[in-house]
Amino acid sequence: MKNFTISKATNNDVTALNTLVNAAYRGETSKQGWTTEADLLDGIRTDEEAIKETLTKENVWILKVLNEENEIVACVQLEKHLNKLYLGMLTVLPTLQGSGIGKKLLAKAEDFALEKKCNCIYMTVITDRLELIAWYERHGFVLTNEKKPFPSGNPRFGLPKKHLEFAVLEKQLNAH
């Protein structure tokens, strides 16, 4: 994909974001890419209500990637906590995974963190997702020793097929 733009998502993007995120993480369509959670979780990854709530919060943003046809093909959620930026829901359309879009969106998130005066980006990744953890490590993230429980009692986050927990990864940033 040669020409794409990255900008902040708005309420007009809620339905497209919901469709993208659920297609990339869960169900059969997600298996077209390498970042599927379909073997670990049933149910949905998010819903329109959760995305709407996210877009109304202070210090929380969703960046979207538009292709030449103005379709959302990738996104990432960013949330500022003091001098750290939480990165979540990094999503690329399954058929475009491996094309470099995720890498470019991650770089944009790092620039965004620096603009917001953050010196660290952190995230949580399901510990079973070793390939994804390795991808983030190749991009400068480091596994911390911290683990967090998966919200398995809430179907809004999916229905685990086994016990799951999150690993916390961090990347220290240096102003350019």
N, C-alpha and C. Protein backbone atom coordinates (compact mmCIF):
# COMPACT_ATOMS: atom_id res chain seq x y z
N MET A 1 0.86 -1.18 0.00
CA MET A 1 0.00 0.00 0.00
C MET A 1 0.89 1.23 0.00
N LYS A 2 0.79 2.02 -1.03
CA LYS A 2 1.69 3.15 -1.18
C LYS A 2 1.16 4.41 -0.48
N ASN A 3 -0.05 4.79 -0.82
CA ASN A 3 -0.59 6.04 -0.29
C ASN A 3 -1.62 5.78 0.79
N PHE A 4 -1.31 6.26 1.97
CA PHE A 4 -2.27 6.19 3.05
C PHE A 4 -2.04 7.39 3.95
N THR A 5 -3.06 7.72 4.71
CA THR A 5 -2.95 8.84 5.64
C THR A 5 -3.30 8.37 7.04
N ILE A 6 -2.67 9.00 8.01
CA ILE A 6 -2.94 8.69 9.42
C ILE A 6 -3.49 9.95 10.06
N SER A 7 -4.63 9.81 10.73
CA SER A 7 -5.25 10.95 11.40
C SER A 7 -6.03 10.44 12.60
N LYS A 8 -6.54 11.38 13.40
CA LYS A 8 -7.33 11.02 14.57
C LYS A 8 -8.73 10.59 14.13
N ALA A 9 -9.21 9.53 14.75
CA ALA A 9 -10.56 9.05 14.47
C ALA A 9 -11.58 9.95 15.15
N THR A 10 -12.79 9.96 14.59
CA THR A 10 -13.90 10.73 15.14
C THR A 10 -15.10 9.80 15.32
N ASN A 11 -16.19 10.35 15.85
CA ASN A 11 -17.41 9.56 16.01
C ASN A 11 -17.94 9.03 14.68
N ASN A 12 -17.61 9.70 13.58
CA ASN A 12 -18.04 9.21 12.27
C ASN A 12 -17.37 7.90 11.88
N ASP A 13 -16.30 7.53 12.58
CA ASP A 13 -15.53 6.34 12.26
C ASP A 13 -15.89 5.12 13.11
N VAL A 14 -16.81 5.26 14.04
CA VAL A 14 -17.08 4.22 15.02
C VAL A 14 -17.45 2.88 14.36
N THR A 15 -18.37 2.88 13.44
CA THR A 15 -18.82 1.62 12.82
C THR A 15 -17.67 0.97 12.05
N ALA A 16 -16.93 1.75 11.28
CA ALA A 16 -15.81 1.19 10.51
C ALA A 16 -14.72 0.66 11.43
N LEU A 17 -14.42 1.37 12.51
CA LEU A 17 -13.41 0.90 13.47
C LEU A 17 -13.85 -0.41 14.12
N ASN A 18 -15.11 -0.48 14.52
CA ASN A 18 -15.64 -1.70 15.14
C ASN A 18 -15.52 -2.89 14.19
N THR A 19 -15.89 -2.69 12.95
CA THR A 19 -15.81 -3.75 11.95
C THR A 19 -14.38 -4.20 11.76
N LEU A 20 -13.46 -3.23 11.61
CA LEU A 20 -12.04 -3.55 11.41
C LEU A 20 -11.46 -4.33 12.57
N VAL A 21 -11.65 -3.83 13.79
CA VAL A 21 -11.03 -4.46 14.96
C VAL A 21 -11.55 -5.88 15.15
N ASN A 22 -12.84 -6.07 15.05
CA ASN A 22 -13.38 -7.42 15.24
C ASN A 22 -12.97 -8.36 14.12
N ALA A 23 -12.86 -7.87 12.89
CA ALA A 23 -12.41 -8.71 11.77
C ALA A 23 -10.95 -9.11 11.93
N ALA A 24 -10.14 -8.25 12.53
CA ALA A 24 -8.71 -8.52 12.65
C ALA A 24 -8.38 -9.43 13.83
N TYR A 25 -9.18 -9.41 14.88
CA TYR A 25 -8.84 -10.16 16.09
C TYR A 25 -9.60 -11.47 16.25
N ARG A 26 -10.84 -11.52 15.81
CA ARG A 26 -11.69 -12.68 16.12
C ARG A 26 -12.35 -13.24 14.87
N GLY A 27 -12.75 -14.49 14.97
CA GLY A 27 -13.51 -15.13 13.91
C GLY A 27 -12.65 -15.56 12.72
N GLU A 28 -13.33 -16.07 11.71
CA GLU A 28 -12.64 -16.63 10.55
C GLU A 28 -11.84 -15.60 9.77
N THR A 29 -12.37 -14.38 9.62
CA THR A 29 -11.64 -13.37 8.84
C THR A 29 -10.29 -13.05 9.46
N SER A 30 -10.22 -13.14 10.79
CA SER A 30 -8.96 -12.81 11.46
C SER A 30 -7.85 -13.81 11.10
N LYS A 31 -8.22 -15.01 10.70
CA LYS A 31 -7.24 -16.04 10.37
C LYS A 31 -6.52 -15.77 9.04
N GLN A 32 -6.97 -14.76 8.31
CA GLN A 32 -6.27 -14.35 7.09
C GLN A 32 -4.98 -13.62 7.41
N GLY A 33 -4.85 -13.14 8.64
CA GLY A 33 -3.65 -12.43 9.08
C GLY A 33 -2.92 -13.26 10.13
N TRP A 34 -1.84 -12.72 10.65
CA TRP A 34 -1.05 -13.47 11.62
C TRP A 34 -1.30 -13.03 13.06
N THR A 35 -2.17 -12.03 13.28
CA THR A 35 -2.38 -11.53 14.64
C THR A 35 -3.70 -11.97 15.26
N THR A 36 -4.30 -13.00 14.72
CA THR A 36 -5.60 -13.47 15.21
C THR A 36 -5.55 -13.91 16.68
N GLU A 37 -6.66 -13.70 17.36
CA GLU A 37 -6.86 -14.23 18.70
C GLU A 37 -7.93 -15.32 18.68
N ALA A 38 -8.36 -15.73 17.49
CA ALA A 38 -9.49 -16.65 17.35
C ALA A 38 -9.26 -17.99 18.04
N ASP A 39 -8.01 -18.42 18.17
CA ASP A 39 -7.74 -19.70 18.84
C ASP A 39 -7.77 -19.56 20.36
N LEU A 40 -7.72 -18.32 20.85
CA LEU A 40 -7.70 -18.07 22.30
C LEU A 40 -9.03 -17.59 22.85
N LEU A 41 -9.79 -16.88 21.99
CA LEU A 41 -11.02 -16.24 22.46
C LEU A 41 -12.13 -16.36 21.43
N ASP A 42 -13.35 -16.53 21.93
CA ASP A 42 -14.54 -16.39 21.11
C ASP A 42 -15.14 -15.03 21.42
N GLY A 43 -16.24 -14.72 20.75
CA GLY A 43 -16.92 -13.46 21.03
C GLY A 43 -16.25 -12.30 20.30
N ILE A 44 -16.48 -11.11 20.81
CA ILE A 44 -16.01 -9.91 20.15
C ILE A 44 -14.78 -9.33 20.83
N ARG A 45 -14.06 -8.49 20.11
CA ARG A 45 -12.89 -7.79 20.68
C ARG A 45 -13.33 -6.45 21.27
N THR A 46 -14.32 -5.81 20.62
CA THR A 46 -14.86 -4.54 21.09
C THR A 46 -16.26 -4.38 20.53
N ASP A 47 -16.90 -3.28 20.85
CA ASP A 47 -18.19 -2.97 20.26
C ASP A 47 -18.28 -1.47 20.04
N GLU A 48 -19.30 -1.05 19.31
CA GLU A 48 -19.43 0.37 18.97
C GLU A 48 -19.53 1.24 20.21
N GLU A 49 -20.22 0.77 21.22
CA GLU A 49 -20.37 1.54 22.45
C GLU A 49 -19.02 1.80 23.11
N ALA A 50 -18.18 0.77 23.17
CA ALA A 50 -16.86 0.91 23.77
C ALA A 50 -16.00 1.90 22.97
N ILE A 51 -16.09 1.85 21.67
CA ILE A 51 -15.31 2.78 20.83
C ILE A 51 -15.81 4.20 21.03
N LYS A 52 -17.13 4.38 21.08
CA LYS A 52 -17.69 5.72 21.35
C LYS A 52 -17.21 6.25 22.69
N GLU A 53 -17.24 5.40 23.72
CA GLU A 53 -16.76 5.81 25.05
C GLU A 53 -15.30 6.24 24.98
N THR A 54 -14.49 5.46 24.28
CA THR A 54 -13.06 5.77 24.15
C THR A 54 -12.86 7.14 23.53
N LEU A 55 -13.61 7.43 22.49
CA LEU A 55 -13.45 8.71 21.78
C LEU A 55 -13.89 9.91 22.60
N THR A 56 -14.66 9.69 23.67
CA THR A 56 -15.10 10.82 24.50
C THR A 56 -14.17 11.10 25.67
N LYS A 57 -13.23 10.18 25.94
CA LYS A 57 -12.36 10.33 27.10
C LYS A 57 -11.27 11.37 26.86
N GLU A 58 -10.93 12.05 27.93
CA GLU A 58 -9.82 13.00 27.88
C GLU A 58 -8.50 12.23 27.86
N ASN A 59 -7.55 12.72 27.10
CA ASN A 59 -6.23 12.10 26.98
C ASN A 59 -6.26 10.70 26.38
N VAL A 60 -7.27 10.41 25.56
CA VAL A 60 -7.36 9.14 24.84
C VAL A 60 -7.68 9.46 23.38
N TRP A 61 -6.96 8.79 22.48
CA TRP A 61 -7.14 9.01 21.05
C TRP A 61 -7.11 7.68 20.32
N ILE A 62 -7.78 7.63 19.20
CA ILE A 62 -7.63 6.52 18.27
C ILE A 62 -7.10 7.12 16.98
N LEU A 63 -5.96 6.63 16.52
CA LEU A 63 -5.44 7.03 15.22
C LEU A 63 -5.91 6.02 14.20
N LYS A 64 -6.29 6.51 13.04
CA LYS A 64 -6.77 5.62 11.97
C LYS A 64 -5.87 5.78 10.75
N VAL A 65 -5.78 4.71 9.98
CA VAL A 65 -5.06 4.73 8.71
C VAL A 65 -6.08 4.56 7.60
N LEU A 66 -6.08 5.52 6.67
CA LEU A 66 -6.99 5.46 5.52
C LEU A 66 -6.21 5.09 4.27
N ASN A 67 -6.80 4.21 3.45
CA ASN A 67 -6.18 3.89 2.17
C ASN A 67 -6.62 4.89 1.11
N GLU A 68 -6.25 4.62 -0.14
CA GLU A 68 -6.57 5.55 -1.23
C GLU A 68 -8.07 5.75 -1.42
N GLU A 69 -8.87 4.77 -1.02
CA GLU A 69 -10.34 4.86 -1.16
C GLU A 69 -11.00 5.42 0.09
N ASN A 70 -10.20 5.97 1.00
CA ASN A 70 -10.70 6.52 2.27
C ASN A 70 -11.35 5.47 3.16
N GLU A 71 -10.89 4.23 3.06
CA GLU A 71 -11.36 3.16 3.94
C GLU A 71 -10.36 3.02 5.09
N ILE A 72 -10.88 2.78 6.29
CA ILE A 72 -10.01 2.57 7.44
C ILE A 72 -9.44 1.15 7.35
N VAL A 73 -8.11 1.05 7.28
CA VAL A 73 -7.45 -0.25 7.14
C VAL A 73 -6.58 -0.58 8.34
N ALA A 74 -6.42 0.36 9.26
CA ALA A 74 -5.63 0.13 10.47
C ALA A 74 -5.98 1.19 11.50
N CYS A 75 -5.68 0.89 12.77
CA CYS A 75 -5.92 1.86 13.83
C CYS A 75 -5.08 1.49 15.04
N VAL A 76 -4.99 2.43 15.97
CA VAL A 76 -4.35 2.18 17.26
C VAL A 76 -4.97 3.12 18.28
N GLN A 77 -5.15 2.62 19.49
CA GLN A 77 -5.67 3.43 20.60
C GLN A 77 -4.49 3.88 21.46
N LEU A 78 -4.48 5.15 21.81
CA LEU A 78 -3.41 5.72 22.63
C LEU A 78 -4.04 6.44 23.82
N GLU A 79 -3.45 6.23 25.00
CA GLU A 79 -4.01 6.83 26.21
C GLU A 79 -2.87 7.34 27.08
N LYS A 80 -2.90 8.64 27.38
CA LYS A 80 -1.84 9.24 28.18
C LYS A 80 -2.11 9.06 29.67
N HIS A 81 -1.07 8.55 30.37
CA HIS A 81 -1.09 8.42 31.82
C HIS A 81 0.18 9.09 32.33
N LEU A 82 0.06 10.30 32.85
CA LEU A 82 1.21 11.09 33.31
C LEU A 82 2.23 11.22 32.18
N ASN A 83 3.42 10.65 32.34
CA ASN A 83 4.44 10.79 31.29
C ASN A 83 4.61 9.51 30.48
N LYS A 84 3.59 8.64 30.52
CA LYS A 84 3.60 7.40 29.75
C LYS A 84 2.40 7.37 28.82
N LEU A 85 2.56 6.68 27.69
CA LEU A 85 1.46 6.52 26.75
C LEU A 85 1.14 5.04 26.63
N TYR A 86 -0.11 4.68 26.93
CA TYR A 86 -0.56 3.30 26.75
C TYR A 86 -0.95 3.11 25.29
N LEU A 87 -0.47 2.04 24.69
CA LEU A 87 -0.80 1.70 23.31
C LEU A 87 -1.64 0.43 23.33
N GLY A 88 -2.80 0.49 22.71
CA GLY A 88 -3.68 -0.68 22.67
C GLY A 88 -4.39 -0.77 21.33
N MET A 89 -4.94 -1.93 21.08
CA MET A 89 -5.79 -2.15 19.92
C MET A 89 -5.09 -1.80 18.60
N LEU A 90 -3.79 -2.05 18.52
CA LEU A 90 -3.09 -1.85 17.24
C LEU A 90 -3.65 -2.89 16.28
N THR A 91 -4.29 -2.42 15.24
CA THR A 91 -5.05 -3.28 14.34
C THR A 91 -4.70 -2.96 12.90
N VAL A 92 -4.46 -4.01 12.11
CA VAL A 92 -4.28 -3.87 10.67
C VAL A 92 -5.20 -4.89 10.02
N LEU A 93 -5.89 -4.47 8.97
CA LEU A 93 -6.76 -5.37 8.21
C LEU A 93 -5.99 -6.65 7.92
N PRO A 94 -6.56 -7.84 8.21
CA PRO A 94 -5.81 -9.09 8.05
C PRO A 94 -5.13 -9.26 6.69
N THR A 95 -5.79 -8.87 5.62
CA THR A 95 -5.21 -9.05 4.29
C THR A 95 -4.04 -8.10 4.02
N LEU A 96 -3.84 -7.10 4.87
CA LEU A 96 -2.73 -6.15 4.71
C LEU A 96 -1.63 -6.36 5.76
N GLN A 97 -1.83 -7.31 6.66
CA GLN A 97 -0.81 -7.57 7.68
C GLN A 97 0.46 -8.05 7.00
N GLY A 98 1.59 -7.57 7.48
CA GLY A 98 2.87 -7.92 6.89
C GLY A 98 3.31 -6.95 5.80
N SER A 99 2.50 -5.91 5.56
CA SER A 99 2.82 -4.94 4.50
C SER A 99 3.57 -3.71 5.00
N GLY A 100 3.80 -3.62 6.31
CA GLY A 100 4.51 -2.49 6.87
C GLY A 100 3.62 -1.42 7.48
N ILE A 101 2.32 -1.57 7.35
CA ILE A 101 1.40 -0.57 7.90
C ILE A 101 1.49 -0.51 9.42
N GLY A 102 1.54 -1.67 10.07
CA GLY A 102 1.64 -1.71 11.53
C GLY A 102 2.90 -1.04 12.02
N LYS A 103 4.00 -1.28 11.33
CA LYS A 103 5.28 -0.67 11.69
C LYS A 103 5.21 0.85 11.57
N LYS A 104 4.58 1.35 10.50
CA LYS A 104 4.45 2.80 10.31
C LYS A 104 3.50 3.40 11.35
N LEU A 105 2.45 2.69 11.68
CA LEU A 105 1.51 3.18 12.68
C LEU A 105 2.18 3.20 14.06
N LEU A 106 3.00 2.22 14.35
CA LEU A 106 3.74 2.19 15.60
C LEU A 106 4.71 3.38 15.68
N ALA A 107 5.38 3.69 14.58
CA ALA A 107 6.28 4.85 14.55
C ALA A 107 5.50 6.14 14.77
N LYS A 108 4.32 6.25 14.17
CA LYS A 108 3.47 7.42 14.36
C LYS A 108 3.05 7.53 15.84
N ALA A 109 2.75 6.40 16.47
CA ALA A 109 2.38 6.40 17.89
C ALA A 109 3.55 6.90 18.74
N GLU A 110 4.77 6.53 18.37
CA GLU A 110 5.94 7.01 19.11
C GLU A 110 6.11 8.52 18.95
N ASP A 111 5.92 9.03 17.74
CA ASP A 111 5.97 10.48 17.52
C ASP A 111 4.89 11.18 18.33
N PHE A 112 3.70 10.61 18.34
CA PHE A 112 2.57 11.15 19.08
C PHE A 112 2.90 11.21 20.58
N ALA A 113 3.52 10.14 21.09
CA ALA A 113 3.91 10.10 22.50
C ALA A 113 4.86 11.24 22.83
N LEU A 114 5.83 11.46 21.97
CA LEU A 114 6.79 12.55 22.20
C LEU A 114 6.09 13.91 22.15
N GLU A 115 5.15 14.07 21.22
CA GLU A 115 4.37 15.32 21.15
C GLU A 115 3.61 15.57 22.44
N LYS A 116 3.15 14.50 23.07
CA LYS A 116 2.37 14.59 24.30
C LYS A 116 3.27 14.58 25.54
N LYS A 117 4.59 14.73 25.34
CA LYS A 117 5.58 14.80 26.42
C LYS A 117 5.66 13.51 27.23
N CYS A 118 5.50 12.38 26.54
CA CYS A 118 5.64 11.07 27.17
C CYS A 118 7.03 10.52 26.86
N ASN A 119 7.64 9.87 27.85
CA ASN A 119 8.97 9.31 27.63
C ASN A 119 8.95 7.78 27.57
N CYS A 120 7.76 7.21 27.56
CA CYS A 120 7.63 5.76 27.54
C CYS A 120 6.30 5.37 26.93
N ILE A 121 6.30 4.32 26.13
CA ILE A 121 5.06 3.70 25.65
C ILE A 121 4.98 2.33 26.30
N TYR A 122 3.81 1.97 26.78
CA TYR A 122 3.64 0.63 27.33
C TYR A 122 2.36 0.01 26.80
N MET A 123 2.28 -1.30 26.90
CA MET A 123 1.12 -2.02 26.38
C MET A 123 0.97 -3.34 27.12
N THR A 124 -0.16 -3.98 26.92
CA THR A 124 -0.37 -5.33 27.41
C THR A 124 -0.65 -6.23 26.21
N VAL A 125 -0.08 -7.42 26.24
CA VAL A 125 -0.29 -8.42 25.19
C VAL A 125 -0.57 -9.75 25.88
N ILE A 126 -1.53 -10.50 25.39
CA ILE A 126 -1.82 -11.81 25.95
C ILE A 126 -0.54 -12.66 25.89
N THR A 127 -0.16 -13.24 27.02
CA THR A 127 1.12 -13.95 27.12
C THR A 127 1.26 -15.08 26.10
N ASP A 128 0.16 -15.69 25.69
CA ASP A 128 0.22 -16.79 24.72
C ASP A 128 0.57 -16.31 23.30
N ARG A 129 0.52 -15.03 23.06
CA ARG A 129 0.73 -14.50 21.71
C ARG A 129 2.23 -14.21 21.48
N LEU A 130 3.00 -15.28 21.46
CA LEU A 130 4.46 -15.17 21.40
C LEU A 130 4.96 -14.47 20.14
N GLU A 131 4.32 -14.73 18.99
CA GLU A 131 4.75 -14.08 17.74
C GLU A 131 4.53 -12.57 17.82
N LEU A 132 3.44 -12.16 18.42
CA LEU A 132 3.15 -10.73 18.55
C LEU A 132 4.12 -10.07 19.53
N ILE A 133 4.39 -10.73 20.64
CA ILE A 133 5.37 -10.20 21.59
C ILE A 133 6.73 -10.06 20.90
N ALA A 134 7.12 -11.06 20.13
CA ALA A 134 8.40 -11.00 19.40
C ALA A 134 8.41 -9.84 18.40
N TRP A 135 7.28 -9.57 17.76
CA TRP A 135 7.20 -8.44 16.81
C TRP A 135 7.46 -7.13 17.54
N TYR A 136 6.82 -6.95 18.68
CA TYR A 136 7.03 -5.72 19.46
C TYR A 136 8.47 -5.64 19.97
N GLU A 137 9.04 -6.76 20.35
CA GLU A 137 10.44 -6.74 20.80
C GLU A 137 11.37 -6.32 19.66
N ARG A 138 11.07 -6.76 18.44
CA ARG A 138 11.89 -6.34 17.29
C ARG A 138 11.78 -4.84 17.04
N HIS A 139 10.73 -4.23 17.58
CA HIS A 139 10.52 -2.79 17.43
C HIS A 139 10.87 -2.02 18.70
N GLY A 140 11.69 -2.62 19.54
CA GLY A 140 12.25 -1.90 20.68
C GLY A 140 11.53 -2.04 22.01
N PHE A 141 10.45 -2.79 22.04
CA PHE A 141 9.74 -2.99 23.30
C PHE A 141 10.41 -4.09 24.10
N VAL A 142 10.31 -3.99 25.42
CA VAL A 142 10.93 -4.94 26.32
C VAL A 142 9.85 -5.50 27.24
N LEU A 143 9.86 -6.82 27.40
CA LEU A 143 8.95 -7.45 28.36
C LEU A 143 9.36 -7.04 29.77
N THR A 144 8.39 -6.58 30.54
CA THR A 144 8.65 -6.33 31.96
C THR A 144 8.28 -7.62 32.69
N ASN A 145 8.51 -7.67 33.96
CA ASN A 145 8.09 -8.85 34.73
C ASN A 145 6.64 -8.76 35.17
N GLU A 146 5.99 -7.66 34.82
CA GLU A 146 4.63 -7.43 35.28
C GLU A 146 3.62 -8.21 34.43
N LYS A 147 2.67 -8.83 35.11
CA LYS A 147 1.56 -9.53 34.46
C LYS A 147 0.26 -8.92 34.97
N LYS A 148 -0.76 -8.94 34.13
CA LYS A 148 -2.08 -8.44 34.52
C LYS A 148 -3.13 -9.48 34.16
N PRO A 149 -4.18 -9.58 34.96
CA PRO A 149 -5.21 -10.58 34.65
C PRO A 149 -6.03 -10.17 33.43
N PHE A 150 -6.48 -11.16 32.68
CA PHE A 150 -7.40 -10.91 31.57
C PHE A 150 -8.80 -10.77 32.16
N PRO A 151 -9.58 -9.78 31.68
CA PRO A 151 -10.94 -9.58 32.24
C PRO A 151 -11.90 -10.66 31.75
N SER A 152 -11.69 -11.89 32.19
CA SER A 152 -12.43 -13.03 31.66
C SER A 152 -13.90 -13.06 32.10
N GLY A 153 -14.26 -12.28 33.08
CA GLY A 153 -15.65 -12.27 33.52
C GLY A 153 -16.53 -11.33 32.73
N ASN A 154 -15.97 -10.64 31.74
CA ASN A 154 -16.72 -9.65 30.99
C ASN A 154 -16.74 -10.02 29.51
N PRO A 155 -17.90 -10.47 28.98
CA PRO A 155 -17.97 -10.88 27.57
C PRO A 155 -17.67 -9.74 26.58
N ARG A 156 -17.65 -8.50 27.08
CA ARG A 156 -17.34 -7.37 26.22
C ARG A 156 -15.89 -7.45 25.70
N PHE A 157 -15.04 -8.22 26.38
CA PHE A 157 -13.64 -8.37 25.98
C PHE A 157 -13.39 -9.71 25.29
N GLY A 158 -14.43 -10.51 25.15
CA GLY A 158 -14.27 -11.82 24.53
C GLY A 158 -14.49 -12.93 25.54
N LEU A 159 -14.61 -14.13 25.02
CA LEU A 159 -14.87 -15.30 25.84
C LEU A 159 -13.66 -16.23 25.75
N PRO A 160 -12.80 -16.21 26.79
CA PRO A 160 -11.58 -17.02 26.75
C PRO A 160 -11.86 -18.51 26.62
N LYS A 161 -11.04 -19.17 25.82
CA LYS A 161 -11.13 -20.62 25.66
C LYS A 161 -10.22 -21.33 26.66
N LYS A 162 -9.40 -20.56 27.39
CA LYS A 162 -8.48 -21.09 28.40
C LYS A 162 -8.11 -19.93 29.32
N HIS A 163 -7.36 -20.20 30.37
CA HIS A 163 -6.91 -19.13 31.26
C HIS A 163 -5.93 -18.23 30.50
N LEU A 164 -6.19 -16.92 30.55
CA LEU A 164 -5.33 -15.96 29.86
C LEU A 164 -4.85 -14.89 30.83
N GLU A 165 -3.68 -14.35 30.54
CA GLU A 165 -3.19 -13.18 31.27
C GLU A 165 -2.39 -12.33 30.31
N PHE A 166 -2.16 -11.09 30.73
CA PHE A 166 -1.42 -10.14 29.92
C PHE A 166 0.01 -10.01 30.41
N ALA A 167 0.92 -9.86 29.48
CA ALA A 167 2.29 -9.43 29.78
C ALA A 167 2.35 -7.94 29.49
N VAL A 168 3.15 -7.21 30.26
CA VAL A 168 3.33 -5.78 30.04
C VAL A 168 4.66 -5.57 29.32
N LEU A 169 4.62 -4.81 28.24
CA LEU A 169 5.82 -4.44 27.49
C LEU A 169 5.98 -2.93 27.56
N GLU A 170 7.23 -2.47 27.53
CA GLU A 170 7.52 -1.03 27.55
C GLU A 170 8.60 -0.69 26.54
N LYS A 171 8.56 0.53 26.09
CA LYS A 171 9.63 1.08 25.25
C LYS A 171 9.93 2.49 25.74
N GLN A 172 11.16 2.71 26.13
CA GLN A 172 11.59 4.05 26.54
C GLN A 172 11.82 4.88 25.27
N LEU A 173 11.41 6.12 25.30
CA LEU A 173 11.55 7.00 24.14
C LEU A 173 12.56 8.10 24.44
N ASN A 174 13.29 8.46 23.44
CA ASN A 174 14.21 9.59 23.52
C ASN A 174 13.75 10.65 22.53
N ALA A 175 13.65 11.87 22.99
CA ALA A 175 13.28 12.95 22.07
C ALA A 175 14.33 13.06 20.99
N HIS A 176 13.87 13.21 19.76
CA HIS A 176 14.79 13.28 18.61
C HIS A 176 15.49 14.62 18.58
